[in-house]
Amino acid sequence: MYFQNLCLIGLLLLGVWACNDSSKPKPPTTSPAAPAPGTAKYPPITEAEMKILWDSTTAVDYLFYKLPLSMSMTERPAIENVLRQVDPRPGLIIVACKPMGRVFFQNNGQNLGEADFFFTETCKYYVFYENQKPVKANQMTPDGIVFFQRLLDSAQNQSPQ
């Protein structure tokens, strides 16, 4: 019952998130957020790579490492909202931080890309993998921070007392 409630709330949050989008899709742009502490160990994904994800992604799957939750999105507005969470700035890596989970970007079942997502007090970024090795990293946009905070708040409200 707890798992079903958590999944339902996660899906509802994604639906609300998708409905809040403007009617005209727009690719991700730079954000004026303040820089986080850490080191840019990897370059960010390029604008060309982001365009491929933007144009070709038909599904996004989230796998959470410590939450009994996974999410899958196939609606275009939800996919675009997920892609807007990837800031073009390089991810500033803090070695002590552990990933919250992994996100997979797919085109008709084929993996276009995958990244660990980090969301803690000090770590809010993505590390992209190729052949199971980290190769690129991007900061998380303010929209991504709001998304993950809402998700965590919802999960905490659903946890058994």
Protein backbone atom coordinates (compact mmCIF):
# COMPACT_ATOMS: atom_id res chain seq x y z
CA MET A 1 0.00 0.00 0.00
CA TYR A 2 2.82 2.41 0.92
CA PHE A 3 4.63 1.74 -2.38
CA GLN A 4 1.43 2.24 -4.39
CA ASN A 5 0.74 5.54 -2.63
CA LEU A 6 4.30 6.74 -3.23
CA CYS A 7 4.12 5.81 -6.92
CA LEU A 8 0.74 7.52 -7.28
CA ILE A 9 2.02 10.71 -5.67
CA GLY A 10 5.13 10.66 -7.86
CA LEU A 11 3.02 10.29 -10.99
CA LEU A 12 0.66 13.05 -9.85
CA LEU A 13 3.62 15.37 -9.25
CA LEU A 14 4.90 14.64 -12.74
CA GLY A 15 1.47 15.36 -14.19
CA VAL A 16 1.26 18.66 -12.35
CA TRP A 17 4.80 19.49 -13.43
CA ALA A 18 3.93 18.75 -17.07
CA CYS A 19 0.74 20.80 -16.94
CA ASN A 20 2.58 23.85 -15.61
CA ASP A 21 4.60 24.09 -18.82
CA SER A 22 3.91 26.86 -21.32
CA SER A 23 2.22 25.84 -24.56
CA LYS A 24 5.31 26.40 -26.69
CA PRO A 25 8.22 23.99 -26.08
CA LYS A 26 11.61 25.59 -25.68
CA PRO A 27 14.99 23.94 -25.34
CA PRO A 28 16.96 24.32 -22.11
CA THR A 29 18.77 27.60 -21.63
CA THR A 30 21.37 28.83 -19.21
CA SER A 31 20.22 29.72 -15.72
CA PRO A 32 21.51 32.48 -13.49
CA ALA A 33 21.74 30.27 -10.38
CA ALA A 34 24.67 30.87 -8.05
CA PRO A 35 27.61 28.51 -8.49
CA ALA A 36 27.83 25.57 -6.12
CA PRO A 37 31.01 24.47 -4.35
CA GLY A 38 32.87 21.62 -5.98
CA THR A 39 35.12 20.79 -8.90
CA ALA A 40 34.29 20.61 -12.60
CA LYS A 41 35.87 17.17 -13.15
CA TYR A 42 34.04 16.55 -16.43
CA PRO A 43 32.88 18.79 -19.25
CA PRO A 44 29.14 19.38 -19.58
CA ILE A 45 27.13 17.66 -22.27
CA THR A 46 27.31 19.80 -25.37
CA GLU A 47 24.50 21.79 -26.92
CA ALA A 48 24.52 19.32 -29.83
CA GLU A 49 24.17 16.36 -27.44
CA MET A 50 21.34 18.11 -25.62
CA LYS A 51 19.61 18.77 -28.95
CA ILE A 52 19.78 15.06 -29.77
CA LEU A 53 18.18 14.25 -26.40
CA TRP A 54 15.60 17.02 -26.92
CA ASP A 55 14.66 15.86 -30.42
CA SER A 56 14.89 12.09 -29.96
CA THR A 57 13.89 11.14 -26.41
CA THR A 58 10.61 9.23 -26.33
CA ALA A 59 10.83 8.00 -22.72
CA VAL A 60 12.58 8.96 -19.51
CA ASP A 61 12.98 6.43 -16.70
CA TYR A 62 14.06 7.25 -13.15
CA LEU A 63 15.49 4.61 -10.83
CA PHE A 64 15.97 5.69 -7.20
CA TYR A 65 18.66 3.96 -5.20
CA LYS A 66 17.21 4.38 -1.69
CA LEU A 67 13.53 5.11 -2.32
CA PRO A 68 11.09 2.32 -3.16
CA LEU A 69 10.15 4.19 -6.31
CA SER A 70 10.76 4.28 -10.02
CA MET A 71 9.15 6.56 -12.59
CA SER A 72 8.68 6.44 -16.32
CA MET A 73 7.56 9.30 -18.54
CA THR A 74 6.48 9.05 -22.15
CA GLU A 75 4.43 12.22 -22.60
CA ARG A 76 6.31 14.92 -24.54
CA PRO A 77 5.68 17.79 -22.06
CA ALA A 78 6.98 15.68 -19.16
CA ILE A 79 10.08 14.66 -21.15
CA GLU A 80 10.80 18.29 -22.02
CA ASN A 81 10.46 19.27 -18.36
CA VAL A 82 12.99 16.60 -17.41
CA LEU A 83 15.43 17.84 -20.05
CA ARG A 84 15.02 21.40 -18.77
CA GLN A 85 16.40 20.20 -15.43
CA VAL A 86 19.85 19.75 -16.99
CA ASP A 87 21.71 23.05 -16.77
CA PRO A 88 24.30 23.69 -19.50
CA ARG A 89 26.92 24.65 -16.88
CA PRO A 90 29.48 22.01 -15.87
CA GLY A 91 28.56 19.92 -12.85
CA LEU A 92 30.62 20.85 -9.81
CA ILE A 93 31.43 17.48 -8.29
CA ILE A 94 31.75 16.97 -4.54
CA VAL A 95 33.38 13.58 -3.96
CA ALA A 96 31.57 12.95 -0.66
CA CYS A 97 28.14 13.13 -2.32
CA LYS A 98 26.31 9.97 -3.29
CA PRO A 99 23.82 9.76 -6.17
CA MET A 100 20.11 9.66 -5.42
CA GLY A 101 19.44 7.53 -8.49
CA ARG A 102 19.83 7.19 -12.22
CA VAL A 103 17.87 8.63 -15.12
CA PHE A 104 17.72 6.98 -18.53
CA PHE A 105 16.87 8.84 -21.75
CA GLN A 106 15.49 6.47 -24.37
CA ASN A 107 14.32 6.49 -27.95
CA ASN A 108 11.84 3.70 -28.63
CA GLY A 109 13.54 1.41 -26.10
CA GLN A 110 17.13 2.23 -27.05
CA ASN A 111 19.27 4.08 -24.55
CA LEU A 112 20.32 7.55 -25.76
CA GLY A 113 21.96 8.49 -22.50
CA GLU A 114 22.04 7.89 -18.78
CA ALA A 115 23.09 9.90 -15.79
CA ASP A 116 23.29 9.63 -12.04
CA PHE A 117 21.43 12.46 -10.38
CA PHE A 118 22.68 13.98 -7.15
CA PHE A 119 20.31 15.83 -4.87
CA THR A 120 21.46 16.73 -1.39
CA GLU A 121 21.90 19.96 0.53
CA THR A 122 25.20 20.68 -1.26
CA CYS A 123 25.04 18.49 -4.37
CA LYS A 124 22.60 19.20 -7.17
CA TYR A 125 23.97 17.90 -10.45
CA TYR A 126 23.99 15.10 -13.03
CA VAL A 127 26.90 12.86 -14.01
CA PHE A 128 26.46 11.31 -17.47
CA TYR A 129 27.88 7.89 -18.28
CA GLU A 130 29.15 6.18 -21.41
CA ASN A 131 30.19 2.53 -21.22
CA GLN A 132 29.61 2.66 -17.43
CA LYS A 133 32.20 5.42 -17.00
CA PRO A 134 31.49 9.03 -15.99
CA VAL A 135 32.27 11.33 -18.91
CA LYS A 136 30.22 14.52 -18.50
CA ALA A 137 28.53 16.43 -15.70
CA ASN A 138 25.97 19.23 -15.59
CA GLN A 139 24.51 21.33 -12.83
CA MET A 140 20.80 20.97 -12.03
CA THR A 141 18.53 23.89 -12.97
CA PRO A 142 16.28 25.59 -10.40
CA ASP A 143 13.34 23.70 -12.00
CA GLY A 144 15.15 20.42 -11.34
CA ILE A 145 15.77 21.41 -7.73
CA VAL A 146 12.05 22.18 -7.25
CA PHE A 147 11.09 18.87 -8.90
CA PHE A 148 13.31 16.75 -6.65
CA GLN A 149 12.40 18.71 -3.52
CA ARG A 150 8.67 18.17 -4.20
CA LEU A 151 9.33 14.50 -4.81
CA LEU A 152 11.24 14.12 -1.53
CA ASP A 153 8.63 16.11 0.40
CA SER A 154 5.93 13.86 -1.01
CA ALA A 155 7.90 10.71 -0.13
CA GLN A 156 8.45 11.94 3.43
CA ASN A 157 4.74 12.67 3.83
CA GLN A 158 3.98 9.10 2.71
CA SER A 159 6.51 7.36 4.96
CA PRO A 160 5.02 5.23 7.75
CA GLN A 161 5.11 6.83 11.18
